[in-house]
Amino acid sequence: MEEQLKLPQRRVVGTKQVLRAVKEGKAARVFLCRDADEFIYRQVEAACEAARVPVTVLDSMEKLGKLCLVNVKTAAAALLP
């Protein structure tokens, strides 16, 4: 599943895009980092809970950024169906 994060057409990266995808029903799964800002973490977590989107929690924003093949730390990413 984490391999799909490398495919730009199958994912969105970043808190705003993830929240938009969740609210529009376009997110199949969300990846969220423990070391993200607490406000961001809770906001994404609550949106996923409300939309019943499964969440996979990762330890590091740096790791998620690398999984998504972007050169910045990433708090959240979502797989698209």
PDB file of N, CA and C in Angstrom:
ATOM      1  N   MET A   1       0.826  -1.202   0.000  1.00  0.00           N
ATOM      2  CA  MET A   1       0.000   0.000   0.000  1.00  0.00           C
ATOM      3  C   MET A   1       0.864   1.258   0.000  1.00  0.00           C
ATOM      4  N   GLU A   2       1.933   1.254   0.784  1.00  0.00           N
ATOM      5  CA  GLU A   2       2.816   2.413   0.814  1.00  0.00           C
ATOM      6  C   GLU A   2       3.474   2.644  -0.543  1.00  0.00           C
ATOM      7  N   GLU A   3       3.625   1.597  -1.342  1.00  0.00           N
ATOM      8  CA  GLU A   3       4.200   1.737  -2.682  1.00  0.00           C
ATOM      9  C   GLU A   3       3.328   2.634  -3.559  1.00  0.00           C
ATOM     10  N   GLN A   4       2.020   2.619  -3.329  1.00  0.00           N
ATOM     11  CA  GLN A   4       1.103   3.436  -4.125  1.00  0.00           C
ATOM     12  C   GLN A   4       1.316   4.929  -3.888  1.00  0.00           C
ATOM     13  N   LEU A   5       1.920   5.274  -2.759  1.00  0.00           N
ATOM     14  CA  LEU A   5       2.199   6.688  -2.472  1.00  0.00           C
ATOM     15  C   LEU A   5       3.202   7.279  -3.458  1.00  0.00           C
ATOM     16  N   LYS A   6       3.950   6.433  -4.133  1.00  0.00           N
ATOM     17  CA  LYS A   6       4.944   6.908  -5.093  1.00  0.00           C
ATOM     18  C   LYS A   6       4.315   7.290  -6.428  1.00  0.00           C
ATOM     19  N   LEU A   7       3.062   6.936  -6.627  1.00  0.00           N
ATOM     20  CA  LEU A   7       2.382   7.206  -7.892  1.00  0.00           C
ATOM     21  C   LEU A   7       1.584   8.508  -7.792  1.00  0.00           C
ATOM     22  N   PRO A   8       2.023   9.567  -8.460  1.00  0.00           N
ATOM     23  CA  PRO A   8       1.359  10.873  -8.340  1.00  0.00           C
ATOM     24  C   PRO A   8      -0.123  10.848  -8.693  1.00  0.00           C
ATOM     25  N   GLN A   9      -0.527  10.010  -9.638  1.00  0.00           N
ATOM     26  CA  GLN A   9      -1.934   9.953 -10.037  1.00  0.00           C
ATOM     27  C   GLN A   9      -2.808   9.218  -9.022  1.00  0.00           C
ATOM     28  N   ARG A  10      -2.194   8.541  -8.051  1.00  0.00           N
ATOM     29  CA  ARG A  10      -2.951   7.758  -7.076  1.00  0.00           C
ATOM     30  C   ARG A  10      -2.957   8.375  -5.680  1.00  0.00           C
ATOM     31  N   ARG A  11      -2.393   9.582  -5.523  1.00  0.00           N
ATOM     32  CA  ARG A  11      -2.305  10.152  -4.177  1.00  0.00           C
ATOM     33  C   ARG A  11      -2.337  11.665  -4.192  1.00  0.00           C
ATOM     34  N   VAL A  12      -2.643  12.221  -3.016  1.00  0.00           N
ATOM     35  CA  VAL A  12      -2.484  13.652  -2.792  1.00  0.00           C
ATOM     36  C   VAL A  12      -1.584  13.811  -1.577  1.00  0.00           C
ATOM     37  N   VAL A  13      -0.830  14.900  -1.549  1.00  0.00           N
ATOM     38  CA  VAL A  13       0.143  15.132  -0.485  1.00  0.00           C
ATOM     39  C   VAL A  13      -0.098  16.502   0.123  1.00  0.00           C
ATOM     40  N   GLY A  14      -0.035  16.568   1.444  1.00  0.00           N
ATOM     41  CA  GLY A  14      -0.203  17.836   2.147  1.00  0.00           C
ATOM     42  C   GLY A  14      -1.551  17.918   2.840  1.00  0.00           C
ATOM     43  N   THR A  15      -1.559  18.612   3.940  1.00  0.00           N
ATOM     44  CA  THR A  15      -2.744  18.682   4.782  1.00  0.00           C
ATOM     45  C   THR A  15      -3.969  19.228   4.051  1.00  0.00           C
ATOM     46  N   LYS A  16      -3.823  20.348   3.348  1.00  0.00           N
ATOM     47  CA  LYS A  16      -4.980  20.947   2.672  1.00  0.00           C
ATOM     48  C   LYS A  16      -5.565  20.008   1.625  1.00  0.00           C
ATOM     49  N   GLN A  17      -4.705  19.401   0.815  1.00  0.00           N
ATOM     50  CA  GLN A  17      -5.195  18.501  -0.223  1.00  0.00           C
ATOM     51  C   GLN A  17      -5.818  17.242   0.372  1.00  0.00           C
ATOM     52  N   VAL A  18      -5.236  16.743   1.456  1.00  0.00           N
ATOM     53  CA  VAL A  18      -5.785  15.556   2.116  1.00  0.00           C
ATOM     54  C   VAL A  18      -7.162  15.871   2.700  1.00  0.00           C
ATOM     55  N   LEU A  19      -7.286  16.985   3.393  1.00  0.00           N
ATOM     56  CA  LEU A  19      -8.585  17.358   3.962  1.00  0.00           C
ATOM     57  C   LEU A  19      -9.639  17.528   2.867  1.00  0.00           C
ATOM     58  N   ARG A  20      -9.260  18.143   1.761  1.00  0.00           N
ATOM     59  CA  ARG A  20     -10.189  18.316   0.648  1.00  0.00           C
ATOM     60  C   ARG A  20     -10.620  16.951   0.094  1.00  0.00           C
ATOM     61  N   ALA A  21      -9.674  16.050  -0.105  1.00  0.00           N
ATOM     62  CA  ALA A  21      -9.986  14.716  -0.642  1.00  0.00           C
ATOM     63  C   ALA A  21     -10.896  13.942   0.308  1.00  0.00           C
ATOM     64  N   VAL A  22     -10.647  14.050   1.600  1.00  0.00           N
ATOM     65  CA  VAL A  22     -11.480  13.356   2.592  1.00  0.00           C
ATOM     66  C   VAL A  22     -12.899  13.918   2.564  1.00  0.00           C
ATOM     67  N   LYS A  23     -13.020  15.232   2.590  1.00  0.00           N
ATOM     68  CA  LYS A  23     -14.341  15.868   2.621  1.00  0.00           C
ATOM     69  C   LYS A  23     -15.137  15.619   1.343  1.00  0.00           C
ATOM     70  N   GLU A  24     -14.429  15.458   0.208  1.00  0.00           N
ATOM     71  CA  GLU A  24     -15.110  15.200  -1.065  1.00  0.00           C
ATOM     72  C   GLU A  24     -15.332  13.707  -1.317  1.00  0.00           C
ATOM     73  N   GLY A  25     -14.929  12.873  -0.369  1.00  0.00           N
ATOM     74  CA  GLY A  25     -15.119  11.430  -0.511  1.00  0.00           C
ATOM     75  C   GLY A  25     -14.170  10.780  -1.498  1.00  0.00           C
ATOM     76  N   LYS A  26     -13.039  11.414  -1.744  1.00  0.00           N
ATOM     77  CA  LYS A  26     -12.083  10.906  -2.732  1.00  0.00           C
ATOM     78  C   LYS A  26     -10.897  10.173  -2.114  1.00  0.00           C
ATOM     79  N   ALA A  27     -10.805  10.122  -0.805  1.00  0.00           N
ATOM     80  CA  ALA A  27      -9.671   9.466  -0.146  1.00  0.00           C
ATOM     81  C   ALA A  27     -10.036   8.038   0.244  1.00  0.00           C
ATOM     82  N   ALA A  28      -9.204   7.089  -0.183  1.00  0.00           N
ATOM     83  CA  ALA A  28      -9.426   5.688   0.173  1.00  0.00           C
ATOM     84  C   ALA A  28      -8.727   5.350   1.486  1.00  0.00           C
ATOM     85  N   ARG A  29      -7.586   5.963   1.741  1.00  0.00           N
ATOM     86  CA  ARG A  29      -6.819   5.780   2.975  1.00  0.00           C
ATOM     87  C   ARG A  29      -5.955   7.001   3.177  1.00  0.00           C
ATOM     88  N   VAL A  30      -5.767   7.369   4.448  1.00  0.00           N
ATOM     89  CA  VAL A  30      -4.943   8.525   4.785  1.00  0.00           C
ATOM     90  C   VAL A  30      -3.748   8.062   5.605  1.00  0.00           C
ATOM     91  N   PHE A  31      -2.599   8.635   5.303  1.00  0.00           N
ATOM     92  CA  PHE A  31      -1.385   8.414   6.082  1.00  0.00           C
ATOM     93  C   PHE A  31      -1.116   9.689   6.865  1.00  0.00           C
ATOM     94  N   LEU A  32      -0.947   9.554   8.176  1.00  0.00           N
ATOM     95  CA  LEU A  32      -0.811  10.699   9.078  1.00  0.00           C
ATOM     96  C   LEU A  32       0.396  10.470   9.978  1.00  0.00           C
ATOM     97  N   CYS A  33       1.176  11.513  10.219  1.00  0.00           N
ATOM     98  CA  CYS A  33       2.418  11.379  10.985  1.00  0.00           C
ATOM     99  C   CYS A  33       2.262  11.807  12.435  1.00  0.00           C
ATOM    100  N   ARG A  34       2.837  10.998  13.321  1.00  0.00           N
ATOM    101  CA  ARG A  34       2.798  11.291  14.754  1.00  0.00           C
ATOM    102  C   ARG A  34       3.487  12.609  15.104  1.00  0.00           C
ATOM    103  N   ASP A  35       4.529  12.953  14.349  1.00  0.00           N
ATOM    104  CA  ASP A  35       5.285  14.161  14.683  1.00  0.00           C
ATOM    105  C   ASP A  35       4.747  15.419  14.005  1.00  0.00           C
ATOM    106  N   ALA A  36       3.560  15.316  13.418  1.00  0.00           N
ATOM    107  CA  ALA A  36       2.912  16.500  12.834  1.00  0.00           C
ATOM    108  C   ALA A  36       2.446  17.424  13.955  1.00  0.00           C
ATOM    109  N   ASP A  37       2.237  18.686  13.619  1.00  0.00           N
ATOM    110  CA  ASP A  37       1.677  19.637  14.569  1.00  0.00           C
ATOM    111  C   ASP A  37       0.380  19.064  15.132  1.00  0.00           C
ATOM    112  N   GLU A  38       0.170  19.198  16.431  1.00  0.00           N
ATOM    113  CA  GLU A  38      -0.986  18.590  17.084  1.00  0.00           C
ATOM    114  C   GLU A  38      -2.317  19.063  16.481  1.00  0.00           C
ATOM    115  N   PHE A  39      -2.419  20.344  16.149  1.00  0.00           N
ATOM    116  CA  PHE A  39      -3.644  20.874  15.555  1.00  0.00           C
ATOM    117  C   PHE A  39      -3.934  20.191  14.221  1.00  0.00           C
ATOM    118  N   ILE A  40      -2.905  20.065  13.389  1.00  0.00           N
ATOM    119  CA  ILE A  40      -3.054  19.409  12.086  1.00  0.00           C
ATOM    120  C   ILE A  40      -3.427  17.946  12.284  1.00  0.00           C
ATOM    121  N   TYR A  41      -2.736  17.273  13.174  1.00  0.00           N
ATOM    122  CA  TYR A  41      -2.994  15.853  13.433  1.00  0.00           C
ATOM    123  C   TYR A  41      -4.454  15.638  13.815  1.00  0.00           C
ATOM    124  N   ARG A  42      -4.928  16.423  14.773  1.00  0.00           N
ATOM    125  CA  ARG A  42      -6.317  16.267  15.250  1.00  0.00           C
ATOM    126  C   ARG A  42      -7.335  16.629  14.160  1.00  0.00           C
ATOM    127  N   GLN A  43      -7.035  17.640  13.373  1.00  0.00           N
ATOM    128  CA  GLN A  43      -7.938  18.068  12.306  1.00  0.00           C
ATOM    129  C   GLN A  43      -8.096  16.961  11.255  1.00  0.00           C
ATOM    130  N   VAL A  44      -6.999  16.396  10.812  1.00  0.00           N
ATOM    131  CA  VAL A  44      -7.042  15.326   9.815  1.00  0.00           C
ATOM    132  C   VAL A  44      -7.684  14.075  10.412  1.00  0.00           C
ATOM    133  N   GLU A  45      -7.315  13.743  11.626  1.00  0.00           N
ATOM    134  CA  GLU A  45      -7.870  12.566  12.298  1.00  0.00           C
ATOM    135  C   GLU A  45      -9.396  12.679  12.431  1.00  0.00           C
ATOM    136  N   ALA A  46      -9.885  13.853  12.840  1.00  0.00           N
ATOM    137  CA  ALA A  46     -11.327  14.068  13.002  1.00  0.00           C
ATOM    138  C   ALA A  46     -12.059  13.983  11.665  1.00  0.00           C
ATOM    139  N   ALA A  47     -11.475  14.567  10.615  1.00  0.00           N
ATOM    140  CA  ALA A  47     -12.100  14.511   9.292  1.00  0.00           C
ATOM    141  C   ALA A  47     -12.190  13.070   8.800  1.00  0.00           C
ATOM    142  N   CYS A  48     -11.136  12.302   9.023  1.00  0.00           N
ATOM    143  CA  CYS A  48     -11.132  10.899   8.595  1.00  0.00           C
ATOM    144  C   CYS A  48     -12.152  10.080   9.382  1.00  0.00           C
ATOM    145  N   GLU A  49     -12.250  10.352  10.668  1.00  0.00           N
ATOM    146  CA  GLU A  49     -13.226   9.639  11.504  1.00  0.00           C
ATOM    147  C   GLU A  49     -14.645   9.954  11.037  1.00  0.00           C
ATOM    148  N   ALA A  50     -14.929  11.218  10.758  1.00  0.00           N
ATOM    149  CA  ALA A  50     -16.261  11.625  10.316  1.00  0.00           C
ATOM    150  C   ALA A  50     -16.619  11.003   8.963  1.00  0.00           C
ATOM    151  N   ALA A  51     -15.617  10.879   8.088  1.00  0.00           N
ATOM    152  CA  ALA A  51     -15.855  10.339   6.745  1.00  0.00           C
ATOM    153  C   ALA A  51     -15.621   8.822   6.684  1.00  0.00           C
ATOM    154  N   ARG A  52     -15.237   8.251   7.803  1.00  0.00           N
ATOM    155  CA  ARG A  52     -14.941   6.811   7.894  1.00  0.00           C
ATOM    156  C   ARG A  52     -13.856   6.378   6.915  1.00  0.00           C
ATOM    157  N   VAL A  53     -12.810   7.181   6.863  1.00  0.00           N
ATOM    158  CA  VAL A  53     -11.648   6.864   6.031  1.00  0.00           C
ATOM    159  C   VAL A  53     -10.583   6.254   6.942  1.00  0.00           C
ATOM    160  N   PRO A  54     -10.065   5.079   6.595  1.00  0.00           N
ATOM    161  CA  PRO A  54      -9.030   4.463   7.427  1.00  0.00           C
ATOM    162  C   PRO A  54      -7.754   5.299   7.460  1.00  0.00           C
ATOM    163  N   VAL A  55      -7.108   5.310   8.634  1.00  0.00           N
ATOM    164  CA  VAL A  55      -5.889   6.097   8.832  1.00  0.00           C
ATOM    165  C   VAL A  55      -4.742   5.160   9.206  1.00  0.00           C
ATOM    166  N   THR A  56      -3.618   5.345   8.546  1.00  0.00           N
ATOM    167  CA  THR A  56      -2.385   4.652   8.912  1.00  0.00           C
ATOM    168  C   THR A  56      -1.466   5.698   9.512  1.00  0.00           C
ATOM    169  N   VAL A  57      -1.016   5.461  10.745  1.00  0.00           N
ATOM    170  CA  VAL A  57      -0.163   6.421  11.434  1.00  0.00           C
ATOM    171  C   VAL A  57       1.298   6.013  11.240  1.00  0.00           C
ATOM    172  N   LEU A  58       2.085   6.975  10.777  1.00  0.00           N
ATOM    173  CA  LEU A  58       3.523   6.776  10.601  1.00  0.00           C
ATOM    174  C   LEU A  58       4.267   7.605  11.642  1.00  0.00           C
ATOM    175  N   ASP A  59       5.525   7.252  11.885  1.00  0.00           N
ATOM    176  CA  ASP A  59       6.303   7.931  12.915  1.00  0.00           C
ATOM    177  C   ASP A  59       6.863   9.286  12.496  1.00  0.00           C
ATOM    178  N   SER A  60       7.177   9.439  11.215  1.00  0.00           N
ATOM    179  CA  SER A  60       7.975  10.591  10.829  1.00  0.00           C
ATOM    180  C   SER A  60       7.468  11.288   9.565  1.00  0.00           C
ATOM    181  N   MET A  61       7.378  12.600   9.638  1.00  0.00           N
ATOM    182  CA  MET A  61       7.005  13.396   8.468  1.00  0.00           C
ATOM    183  C   MET A  61       8.074  13.275   7.389  1.00  0.00           C
ATOM    184  N   GLU A  62       9.315  13.144   7.802  1.00  0.00           N
ATOM    185  CA  GLU A  62      10.408  12.982   6.839  1.00  0.00           C
ATOM    186  C   GLU A  62      10.235  11.673   6.066  1.00  0.00           C
ATOM    187  N   LYS A  63       9.877  10.603   6.781  1.00  0.00           N
ATOM    188  CA  LYS A  63       9.661   9.297   6.137  1.00  0.00           C
ATOM    189  C   LYS A  63       8.500   9.370   5.141  1.00  0.00           C
ATOM    190  N   LEU A  64       7.406  10.022   5.521  1.00  0.00           N
ATOM    191  CA  LEU A  64       6.254  10.127   4.626  1.00  0.00           C
ATOM    192  C   LEU A  64       6.607  10.943   3.386  1.00  0.00           C
ATOM    193  N   GLY A  65       7.354  12.010   3.562  1.00  0.00           N
ATOM    194  CA  GLY A  65       7.797  12.803   2.413  1.00  0.00           C
ATOM    195  C   GLY A  65       8.609  11.965   1.441  1.00  0.00           C
ATOM    196  N   LYS A  66       9.500  11.134   1.973  1.00  0.00           N
ATOM    197  CA  LYS A  66      10.310  10.264   1.113  1.00  0.00           C
ATOM    198  C   LYS A  66       9.447   9.206   0.432  1.00  0.00           C
ATOM    199  N   LEU A  67       8.475   8.648   1.141  1.00  0.00           N
ATOM    200  CA  LEU A  67       7.575   7.654   0.547  1.00  0.00           C
ATOM    201  C   LEU A  67       6.800   8.252  -0.624  1.00  0.00           C
ATOM    202  N   CYS A  68       6.470   9.538  -0.511  1.00  0.00           N
ATOM    203  CA  CYS A  68       5.706  10.225  -1.562  1.00  0.00           C
ATOM    204  C   CYS A  68       6.602  10.824  -2.643  1.00  0.00           C
ATOM    205  N   LEU A  69       7.901  10.629  -2.486  1.00  0.00           N
ATOM    206  CA  LEU A  69       8.889  11.149  -3.444  1.00  0.00           C
ATOM    207  C   LEU A  69       8.855  12.669  -3.564  1.00  0.00           C
ATOM    208  N   VAL A  70       8.622  13.341  -2.435  1.00  0.00           N
ATOM    209  CA  VAL A  70       8.707  14.803  -2.402  1.00  0.00           C
ATOM    210  C   VAL A  70       9.888  15.180  -1.503  1.00  0.00           C
ATOM    211  N   ASN A  71      10.463  16.323  -1.729  1.00  0.00           N
ATOM    212  CA  ASN A  71      11.672  16.713  -1.008  1.00  0.00           C
ATOM    213  C   ASN A  71      11.394  17.557   0.225  1.00  0.00           C
ATOM    214  N   VAL A  72      10.225  17.400   0.806  1.00  0.00           N
ATOM    215  CA  VAL A  72       9.876  18.125   2.025  1.00  0.00           C
ATOM    216  C   VAL A  72       9.207  17.171   3.009  1.00  0.00           C
ATOM    217  N   LYS A  73       9.242  17.541   4.276  1.00  0.00           N
ATOM    218  CA  LYS A  73       8.529  16.761   5.286  1.00  0.00           C
ATOM    219  C   LYS A  73       7.032  16.905   5.027  1.00  0.00           C
ATOM    220  N   THR A  74       6.304  15.822   5.229  1.00  0.00           N
ATOM    221  CA  THR A  74       4.886  15.797   4.914  1.00  0.00           C
ATOM    222  C   THR A  74       4.099  15.270   6.102  1.00  0.00           C
ATOM    223  N   ALA A  75       3.114  16.041   6.564  1.00  0.00           N
ATOM    224  CA  ALA A  75       2.311  15.638   7.719  1.00  0.00           C
ATOM    225  C   ALA A  75       1.255  14.615   7.341  1.00  0.00           C
ATOM    226  N   ALA A  76       0.714  14.716   6.117  1.00  0.00           N
ATOM    227  CA  ALA A  76      -0.370  13.817   5.713  1.00  0.00           C
ATOM    228  C   ALA A  76      -0.346  13.586   4.213  1.00  0.00           C
ATOM    229  N   ALA A  77      -0.833  12.401   3.843  1.00  0.00           N
ATOM    230  CA  ALA A  77      -1.001  12.051   2.433  1.00  0.00           C
ATOM    231  C   ALA A  77      -2.199  11.126   2.343  1.00  0.00           C
ATOM    232  N   ALA A  78      -2.833  11.094   1.179  1.00  0.00           N
ATOM    233  CA  ALA A  78      -3.990  10.237   1.007  1.00  0.00           C
ATOM    234  C   ALA A  78      -3.893   9.462  -0.304  1.00  0.00           C
ATOM    235  N   LEU A  79      -4.323   8.203  -0.244  1.00  0.00           N
ATOM    236  CA  LEU A  79      -4.422   7.404  -1.455  1.00  0.00           C
ATOM    237  C   LEU A  79      -5.793   7.639  -2.061  1.00  0.00           C
ATOM    238  N   LEU A  80      -5.828   7.771  -3.361  1.00  0.00           N
ATOM    239  CA  LEU A  80      -7.091   7.955  -4.076  1.00  0.00           C
ATOM    240  C   LEU A  80      -7.552   6.607  -4.634  1.00  0.00           C
ATOM    241  N   PRO A  81      -8.856   6.391  -4.724  1.00  0.00           N
ATOM    242  CA  PRO A  81      -9.345   5.104  -5.243  1.00  0.00           C
ATOM    243  C   PRO A  81      -9.019   4.914  -6.717  1.00  0.00           C
TER     244      PRO A  81
END
